[in-house]
Every structure is written in C-alpha cells, then in structure tokens.
Amino acid sequence: MKCGQTNKYTAIGIFIVGVTLLLKHLLGLPEIICGFGMGLGIALEFVGLIDGCREQNRLRKFKSSILKNVTGGSEL
C-alpha cells in the first residue's frame, strides 16, 4: 500500500466522525458522547495514516506478539 491510500482504519474513522457530526446536528447529541465519537474517529484516522505509511506487517506482528503472550504462545 502506498503512503496516502486509505485503509480500513481511516475509513472507519472517517465514518465515525461523519456519523457523530450528523447525529449532533440532527438529534442534539450530548457533548460527552460527541467528544468521545470525535476523539475515537480522529484516533482511528491517525492509526490508519501511520499504518498506511509504514510497513503494514509491523503493526500486524506487534498485535500477534501481544496475542501470543496473552494466550501462552499458542497460535489461533
């Protein structure tokens, strides 16, 4: 994947931000929920940008190493 292309993290982040803004405008969403949705969406966008510009396998290997440590070394 080239740097700058969208992956599923950025797509989900953009979707969450859009839904949060839409619900805030239409339903008068409380500020705490609006802030949580915006923060989560922006965090996912940053993770997607970092993941897209670096080796994708690096993040995937890190996640699998954490999973192996938690499960005791057995693979799923």
N, C-alpha and C. Protein backbone atom coordinates (compact mmCIF):
# COMPACT_ATOMS: atom_id res chain seq x y z
N MET A 1 0.85 -1.18 0.00
CA MET A 1 0.00 0.00 0.00
C MET A 1 0.89 1.24 0.00
N LYS A 2 0.61 2.14 -0.88
CA LYS A 2 1.36 3.38 -0.94
C LYS A 2 0.93 4.33 0.17
N CYS A 3 1.82 5.22 0.53
CA CYS A 3 1.51 6.20 1.56
C CYS A 3 0.41 7.13 1.05
N GLY A 4 -0.62 7.32 1.85
CA GLY A 4 -1.70 8.20 1.46
C GLY A 4 -2.97 7.49 1.03
N GLN A 5 -2.90 6.18 0.78
CA GLN A 5 -4.10 5.44 0.43
C GLN A 5 -4.88 5.12 1.70
N THR A 6 -6.19 5.03 1.57
CA THR A 6 -7.00 4.74 2.75
C THR A 6 -7.01 3.25 3.03
N ASN A 7 -7.01 2.91 4.29
CA ASN A 7 -7.20 1.53 4.70
C ASN A 7 -8.42 1.48 5.59
N LYS A 8 -8.67 0.34 6.21
CA LYS A 8 -9.92 0.21 6.96
C LYS A 8 -9.94 1.07 8.22
N TYR A 9 -8.78 1.36 8.81
CA TYR A 9 -8.75 2.22 9.99
C TYR A 9 -9.19 3.65 9.64
N THR A 10 -8.67 4.19 8.56
CA THR A 10 -9.05 5.55 8.19
C THR A 10 -10.49 5.61 7.72
N ALA A 11 -10.94 4.58 7.02
CA ALA A 11 -12.33 4.56 6.55
C ALA A 11 -13.30 4.50 7.73
N ILE A 12 -13.01 3.68 8.72
CA ILE A 12 -13.87 3.59 9.89
C ILE A 12 -13.82 4.89 10.68
N GLY A 13 -12.64 5.49 10.79
CA GLY A 13 -12.50 6.76 11.49
C GLY A 13 -13.30 7.88 10.85
N ILE A 14 -13.24 7.97 9.53
CA ILE A 14 -14.00 8.98 8.81
C ILE A 14 -15.50 8.74 8.97
N PHE A 15 -15.90 7.47 8.94
CA PHE A 15 -17.31 7.12 9.12
C PHE A 15 -17.80 7.52 10.51
N ILE A 16 -17.01 7.23 11.55
CA ILE A 16 -17.41 7.57 12.92
C ILE A 16 -17.52 9.08 13.10
N VAL A 17 -16.57 9.83 12.56
CA VAL A 17 -16.63 11.29 12.66
C VAL A 17 -17.86 11.82 11.92
N GLY A 18 -18.14 11.30 10.75
CA GLY A 18 -19.31 11.75 9.99
C GLY A 18 -20.62 11.45 10.68
N VAL A 19 -20.74 10.23 11.23
CA VAL A 19 -21.97 9.86 11.94
C VAL A 19 -22.13 10.72 13.20
N THR A 20 -21.03 10.97 13.90
CA THR A 20 -21.08 11.80 15.10
C THR A 20 -21.55 13.21 14.77
N LEU A 21 -21.00 13.79 13.73
CA LEU A 21 -21.42 15.13 13.34
C LEU A 21 -22.88 15.16 12.89
N LEU A 22 -23.30 14.14 12.17
CA LEU A 22 -24.68 14.07 11.71
C LEU A 22 -25.65 13.94 12.89
N LEU A 23 -25.33 13.06 13.83
CA LEU A 23 -26.20 12.88 14.99
C LEU A 23 -26.22 14.13 15.87
N LYS A 24 -25.08 14.81 15.97
CA LYS A 24 -25.04 16.05 16.76
C LYS A 24 -25.95 17.11 16.14
N HIS A 25 -25.93 17.18 14.83
CA HIS A 25 -26.73 18.19 14.13
C HIS A 25 -28.21 17.85 14.16
N LEU A 26 -28.56 16.59 13.92
CA LEU A 26 -29.96 16.20 13.81
C LEU A 26 -30.64 15.95 15.15
N LEU A 27 -29.95 15.31 16.09
CA LEU A 27 -30.58 14.88 17.33
C LEU A 27 -30.15 15.68 18.55
N GLY A 28 -29.18 16.54 18.41
CA GLY A 28 -28.68 17.27 19.57
C GLY A 28 -27.96 16.34 20.53
N LEU A 29 -27.01 15.60 20.02
CA LEU A 29 -26.24 14.63 20.79
C LEU A 29 -25.54 15.32 21.97
N PRO A 30 -25.51 14.70 23.15
CA PRO A 30 -24.81 15.31 24.29
C PRO A 30 -23.32 15.48 23.99
N GLU A 31 -22.73 16.49 24.60
CA GLU A 31 -21.33 16.83 24.30
C GLU A 31 -20.35 15.72 24.68
N ILE A 32 -20.64 14.97 25.74
CA ILE A 32 -19.74 13.90 26.16
C ILE A 32 -19.68 12.80 25.11
N ILE A 33 -20.82 12.45 24.55
CA ILE A 33 -20.87 11.41 23.51
C ILE A 33 -20.27 11.94 22.21
N CYS A 34 -20.55 13.20 21.93
CA CYS A 34 -19.97 13.81 20.72
C CYS A 34 -18.45 13.86 20.82
N GLY A 35 -17.93 14.25 21.96
CA GLY A 35 -16.49 14.30 22.15
C GLY A 35 -15.84 12.93 22.07
N PHE A 36 -16.50 11.93 22.64
CA PHE A 36 -15.98 10.56 22.56
C PHE A 36 -15.94 10.07 21.12
N GLY A 37 -17.02 10.31 20.38
CA GLY A 37 -17.07 9.87 18.98
C GLY A 37 -16.04 10.57 18.12
N MET A 38 -15.89 11.86 18.32
CA MET A 38 -14.89 12.61 17.54
C MET A 38 -13.47 12.15 17.88
N GLY A 39 -13.21 11.96 19.17
CA GLY A 39 -11.88 11.51 19.58
C GLY A 39 -11.55 10.13 19.06
N LEU A 40 -12.51 9.23 19.12
CA LEU A 40 -12.31 7.88 18.61
C LEU A 40 -12.08 7.89 17.10
N GLY A 41 -12.87 8.68 16.39
CA GLY A 41 -12.71 8.76 14.94
C GLY A 41 -11.37 9.34 14.52
N ILE A 42 -10.95 10.40 15.19
CA ILE A 42 -9.66 11.02 14.86
C ILE A 42 -8.51 10.09 15.21
N ALA A 43 -8.62 9.38 16.34
CA ALA A 43 -7.57 8.42 16.72
C ALA A 43 -7.45 7.31 15.68
N LEU A 44 -8.58 6.80 15.20
CA LEU A 44 -8.53 5.76 14.17
C LEU A 44 -7.95 6.28 12.87
N GLU A 45 -8.22 7.54 12.54
CA GLU A 45 -7.64 8.11 11.34
C GLU A 45 -6.12 8.20 11.46
N PHE A 46 -5.62 8.62 12.62
CA PHE A 46 -4.18 8.69 12.82
C PHE A 46 -3.53 7.31 12.76
N VAL A 47 -4.17 6.32 13.37
CA VAL A 47 -3.64 4.95 13.31
C VAL A 47 -3.61 4.47 11.86
N GLY A 48 -4.64 4.79 11.11
CA GLY A 48 -4.66 4.40 9.71
C GLY A 48 -3.58 5.09 8.89
N LEU A 49 -3.33 6.36 9.18
CA LEU A 49 -2.27 7.06 8.46
C LEU A 49 -0.89 6.51 8.80
N ILE A 50 -0.68 6.23 10.07
CA ILE A 50 0.62 5.67 10.48
C ILE A 50 0.79 4.28 9.90
N ASP A 51 -0.25 3.47 9.94
CA ASP A 51 -0.20 2.11 9.43
C ASP A 51 -0.01 2.11 7.91
N GLY A 52 -0.61 3.07 7.23
CA GLY A 52 -0.50 3.12 5.78
C GLY A 52 0.84 3.59 5.29
N CYS A 53 1.53 4.43 6.05
CA CYS A 53 2.81 4.97 5.61
C CYS A 53 3.99 4.11 6.02
N ARG A 54 3.80 3.24 6.97
CA ARG A 54 4.87 2.34 7.40
C ARG A 54 4.58 0.95 6.91
N GLU A 55 5.44 0.04 7.29
CA GLU A 55 5.20 -1.35 6.97
C GLU A 55 3.93 -1.82 7.63
N GLN A 56 3.04 -2.40 6.88
CA GLN A 56 1.81 -2.89 7.49
C GLN A 56 2.09 -4.10 8.37
N ASN A 57 3.07 -4.86 8.01
CA ASN A 57 3.37 -6.05 8.78
C ASN A 57 3.88 -5.71 10.17
N ARG A 58 4.44 -4.54 10.35
CA ARG A 58 4.97 -4.15 11.64
C ARG A 58 3.87 -4.09 12.71
N LEU A 59 2.77 -3.44 12.41
CA LEU A 59 1.65 -3.37 13.34
C LEU A 59 1.00 -4.73 13.52
N ARG A 60 0.88 -5.48 12.43
CA ARG A 60 0.27 -6.81 12.50
C ARG A 60 1.12 -7.76 13.34
N LYS A 61 2.46 -7.69 13.21
CA LYS A 61 3.34 -8.53 14.01
C LYS A 61 3.27 -8.15 15.48
N PHE A 62 3.16 -6.86 15.76
CA PHE A 62 3.04 -6.40 17.14
C PHE A 62 1.76 -6.93 17.78
N LYS A 63 0.65 -6.85 17.05
CA LYS A 63 -0.62 -7.36 17.56
C LYS A 63 -0.55 -8.86 17.80
N SER A 64 0.04 -9.60 16.87
CA SER A 64 0.11 -11.05 17.04
C SER A 64 1.06 -11.43 18.17
N SER A 65 2.12 -10.65 18.40
CA SER A 65 3.01 -10.96 19.52
C SER A 65 2.31 -10.73 20.86
N ILE A 66 1.47 -9.69 20.94
CA ILE A 66 0.69 -9.47 22.16
C ILE A 66 -0.29 -10.62 22.36
N LEU A 67 -0.94 -11.05 21.29
CA LEU A 67 -1.89 -12.15 21.37
C LEU A 67 -1.20 -13.44 21.79
N LYS A 68 0.01 -13.69 21.27
CA LYS A 68 0.75 -14.89 21.66
C LYS A 68 1.14 -14.84 23.12
N ASN A 69 1.53 -13.66 23.62
CA ASN A 69 1.89 -13.53 25.03
C ASN A 69 0.69 -13.78 25.93
N VAL A 70 -0.47 -13.30 25.52
CA VAL A 70 -1.67 -13.45 26.34
C VAL A 70 -2.16 -14.90 26.33
N THR A 71 -2.08 -15.56 25.18
CA THR A 71 -2.59 -16.92 25.08
C THR A 71 -1.56 -17.97 25.47
N GLY A 72 -0.36 -17.56 25.79
CA GLY A 72 0.65 -18.53 26.22
C GLY A 72 1.45 -19.14 25.09
N GLY A 73 1.52 -18.48 23.96
CA GLY A 73 2.35 -18.95 22.87
C GLY A 73 1.63 -19.80 21.84
N SER A 74 0.39 -20.18 22.08
CA SER A 74 -0.33 -20.99 21.10
C SER A 74 -0.94 -20.09 20.03
N GLU A 75 -0.91 -20.56 18.81
CA GLU A 75 -1.49 -19.78 17.72
C GLU A 75 -2.94 -20.17 17.54
N LEU A 76 -3.73 -19.21 17.10
CA LEU A 76 -5.16 -19.47 16.88
C LEU A 76 -5.39 -19.93 15.48
